[in-house]
Amino acid sequence: MATTSKTYQLNDIGSPIGVVIYRADGTLESQLGSATTKQIILEKPSGETLTKTAVLVTDGSDGQMHYITVSGDLDETGTWNYHGYVVIGSGMWKTTVKTFEVLENL
């Protein structure tokens, strides 16, 4: 089940959407810096998906990566789903699906 983590406003620009990568055994992925693919997959309330290239928050040893929104990303109000996807060597991981809300502006 998805969990709501944040709220954003419609058409926010420069907002980070981040994930922490864990291995299947529950340990933190400390080799994220060597990932050849780092993505955040967003699903709009309408069902359309966006695949965005993520960047490391630090050097990757903390398992954290994020995507910073640009113009046109957060263009629908409602509940969005998202998860991270990485490829490290021959392994591929997806994070748990999370949600966030995009709220109307005045």
C-alpha atoms as a PDB file:
ATOM      1  CA  MET A   1       0.000   0.000   0.000  1.00  0.00           C
ATOM      2  CA  ALA A   2       1.240   3.469  -0.880  1.00  0.00           C
ATOM      3  CA  THR A   3       1.930   6.021   1.815  1.00  0.00           C
ATOM      4  CA  THR A   4       1.537   9.790   1.460  1.00  0.00           C
ATOM      5  CA  SER A   5       4.751  11.618   2.218  1.00  0.00           C
ATOM      6  CA  LYS A   6       4.470  15.213   0.983  1.00  0.00           C
ATOM      7  CA  THR A   7       2.293  17.868  -0.562  1.00  0.00           C
ATOM      8  CA  TYR A   8       3.148  20.185  -3.423  1.00  0.00           C
ATOM      9  CA  GLN A   9       1.294  22.995  -5.136  1.00  0.00           C
ATOM     10  CA  LEU A  10       0.115  22.860  -8.739  1.00  0.00           C
ATOM     11  CA  ASN A  11       2.973  23.740 -11.120  1.00  0.00           C
ATOM     12  CA  ASP A  12       5.670  23.818  -8.397  1.00  0.00           C
ATOM     13  CA  ILE A  13       9.161  24.111  -9.880  1.00  0.00           C
ATOM     14  CA  GLY A  14      12.345  23.168  -8.019  1.00  0.00           C
ATOM     15  CA  SER A  15      10.721  20.747  -5.580  1.00  0.00           C
ATOM     16  CA  PRO A  16      12.636  17.557  -4.740  1.00  0.00           C
ATOM     17  CA  ILE A  17      10.905  14.185  -5.006  1.00  0.00           C
ATOM     18  CA  GLY A  18      13.176  11.637  -3.386  1.00  0.00           C
ATOM     19  CA  VAL A  19      13.556   8.008  -2.443  1.00  0.00           C
ATOM     20  CA  VAL A  20      15.913   5.868  -0.390  1.00  0.00           C
ATOM     21  CA  ILE A  21      17.052   2.606  -1.970  1.00  0.00           C
ATOM     22  CA  TYR A  22      17.155  -0.547   0.149  1.00  0.00           C
ATOM     23  CA  ARG A  23      18.286  -4.013  -0.864  1.00  0.00           C
ATOM     24  CA  ALA A  24      15.867  -6.942  -0.757  1.00  0.00           C
ATOM     25  CA  ASP A  25      17.249  -7.942   2.656  1.00  0.00           C
ATOM     26  CA  GLY A  26      16.296  -4.524   4.058  1.00  0.00           C
ATOM     27  CA  THR A  27      19.808  -3.077   4.219  1.00  0.00           C
ATOM     28  CA  LEU A  28      20.559   0.354   2.829  1.00  0.00           C
ATOM     29  CA  GLU A  29      22.027   0.366  -0.687  1.00  0.00           C
ATOM     30  CA  SER A  30      25.428   1.955  -0.045  1.00  0.00           C
ATOM     31  CA  GLN A  31      26.725   1.546  -3.619  1.00  0.00           C
ATOM     32  CA  LEU A  32      24.183   3.842  -5.273  1.00  0.00           C
ATOM     33  CA  GLY A  33      27.043   5.917  -6.659  1.00  0.00           C
ATOM     34  CA  SER A  34      27.885   3.087  -9.059  1.00  0.00           C
ATOM     35  CA  ALA A  35      24.332   2.828 -10.446  1.00  0.00           C
ATOM     36  CA  THR A  36      24.130   3.080 -14.226  1.00  0.00           C
ATOM     37  CA  THR A  37      20.422   3.938 -14.098  1.00  0.00           C
ATOM     38  CA  LYS A  38      18.761   6.160 -11.491  1.00  0.00           C
ATOM     39  CA  GLN A  39      15.135   7.083 -12.113  1.00  0.00           C
ATOM     40  CA  ILE A  40      12.030   8.366 -10.378  1.00  0.00           C
ATOM     41  CA  ILE A  41       8.825   7.145 -12.020  1.00  0.00           C
ATOM     42  CA  LEU A  42       5.828   9.416 -11.418  1.00  0.00           C
ATOM     43  CA  GLU A  43       2.201   8.504 -12.055  1.00  0.00           C
ATOM     44  CA  LYS A  44      -0.228  11.403 -12.408  1.00  0.00           C
ATOM     45  CA  PRO A  45      -3.791  11.185 -11.072  1.00  0.00           C
ATOM     46  CA  SER A  46      -4.921  10.685 -14.701  1.00  0.00           C
ATOM     47  CA  GLY A  47      -2.737   7.562 -14.972  1.00  0.00           C
ATOM     48  CA  GLU A  48      -0.100   9.075 -17.276  1.00  0.00           C
ATOM     49  CA  THR A  49       3.450   8.171 -16.224  1.00  0.00           C
ATOM     50  CA  LEU A  50       6.621  10.241 -16.355  1.00  0.00           C
ATOM     51  CA  THR A  51      10.094   8.715 -16.078  1.00  0.00           C
ATOM     52  CA  LYS A  52      12.632  11.213 -14.770  1.00  0.00           C
ATOM     53  CA  THR A  53      16.388  10.883 -14.324  1.00  0.00           C
ATOM     54  CA  ALA A  54      17.311  11.086 -10.650  1.00  0.00           C
ATOM     55  CA  VAL A  55      20.507  12.430  -9.119  1.00  0.00           C
ATOM     56  CA  LEU A  56      22.290  11.464  -5.937  1.00  0.00           C
ATOM     57  CA  VAL A  57      21.624  13.539  -2.834  1.00  0.00           C
ATOM     58  CA  THR A  58      25.216  12.977  -1.595  1.00  0.00           C
ATOM     59  CA  ASP A  59      27.805  10.454  -2.834  1.00  0.00           C
ATOM     60  CA  GLY A  60      25.335   7.556  -2.937  1.00  0.00           C
ATOM     61  CA  SER A  61      26.548   5.840   0.230  1.00  0.00           C
ATOM     62  CA  ASP A  62      23.346   6.931   1.987  1.00  0.00           C
ATOM     63  CA  GLY A  63      21.062   5.291  -0.629  1.00  0.00           C
ATOM     64  CA  GLN A  64      19.327   8.602  -1.372  1.00  0.00           C
ATOM     65  CA  MET A  65      18.433  10.000  -4.766  1.00  0.00           C
ATOM     66  CA  HIS A  66      15.934  12.577  -5.945  1.00  0.00           C
ATOM     67  CA  TYR A  67      14.477  14.392  -8.909  1.00  0.00           C
ATOM     68  CA  ILE A  68      13.919  18.156  -8.895  1.00  0.00           C
ATOM     69  CA  THR A  69      10.683  19.221 -10.613  1.00  0.00           C
ATOM     70  CA  VAL A  70      10.748  21.468 -13.665  1.00  0.00           C
ATOM     71  CA  SER A  71       8.069  23.454 -15.471  1.00  0.00           C
ATOM     72  CA  GLY A  72       5.250  21.211 -16.685  1.00  0.00           C
ATOM     73  CA  ASP A  73       5.859  18.324 -14.264  1.00  0.00           C
ATOM     74  CA  LEU A  74       3.267  18.881 -11.533  1.00  0.00           C
ATOM     75  CA  ASP A  75       0.443  19.850 -13.871  1.00  0.00           C
ATOM     76  CA  GLU A  76      -2.456  17.894 -12.305  1.00  0.00           C
ATOM     77  CA  THR A  77      -4.030  18.203  -8.874  1.00  0.00           C
ATOM     78  CA  GLY A  78      -4.748  15.105  -6.835  1.00  0.00           C
ATOM     79  CA  THR A  79      -2.869  12.065  -5.576  1.00  0.00           C
ATOM     80  CA  TRP A  80       0.288  11.090  -7.444  1.00  0.00           C
ATOM     81  CA  ASN A  81       2.166   7.771  -7.102  1.00  0.00           C
ATOM     82  CA  TYR A  82       5.927   7.422  -7.457  1.00  0.00           C
ATOM     83  CA  HIS A  83       8.801   5.035  -6.917  1.00  0.00           C
ATOM     84  CA  GLY A  84      12.502   4.825  -7.605  1.00  0.00           C
ATOM     85  CA  TYR A  85      14.267   2.490 -10.016  1.00  0.00           C
ATOM     86  CA  VAL A  86      18.005   1.743 -10.120  1.00  0.00           C
ATOM     87  CA  VAL A  87      20.366  -0.560 -11.974  1.00  0.00           C
ATOM     88  CA  ILE A  88      23.637  -1.483 -10.266  1.00  0.00           C
ATOM     89  CA  GLY A  89      25.746  -4.077 -12.059  1.00  0.00           C
ATOM     90  CA  SER A  90      23.455  -6.980 -12.934  1.00  0.00           C
ATOM     91  CA  GLY A  91      20.874  -6.006 -10.273  1.00  0.00           C
ATOM     92  CA  MET A  92      17.732  -3.914 -10.711  1.00  0.00           C
ATOM     93  CA  TRP A  93      15.665  -2.510  -7.831  1.00  0.00           C
ATOM     94  CA  LYS A  94      12.394  -0.624  -7.466  1.00  0.00           C
ATOM     95  CA  THR A  95      11.371   1.087  -4.266  1.00  0.00           C
ATOM     96  CA  THR A  96       8.038   0.808  -2.529  1.00  0.00           C
ATOM     97  CA  VAL A  97       5.356   2.941  -4.169  1.00  0.00           C
ATOM     98  CA  LYS A  98       4.664   6.166  -2.281  1.00  0.00           C
ATOM     99  CA  THR A  99       2.223   8.986  -2.888  1.00  0.00           C
ATOM    100  CA  PHE A 100       2.104  12.734  -2.660  1.00  0.00           C
ATOM    101  CA  GLU A 101      -0.623  15.304  -3.132  1.00  0.00           C
ATOM    102  CA  VAL A 102      -0.625  18.182  -5.590  1.00  0.00           C
ATOM    103  CA  LEU A 103      -2.925  20.924  -4.317  1.00  0.00           C
ATOM    104  CA  GLU A 104      -4.821  23.687  -6.127  1.00  0.00           C
ATOM    105  CA  ASN A 105      -3.531  27.251  -6.128  1.00  0.00           C
ATOM    106  CA  LEU A 106      -5.685  30.327  -5.416  1.00  0.00           C
END
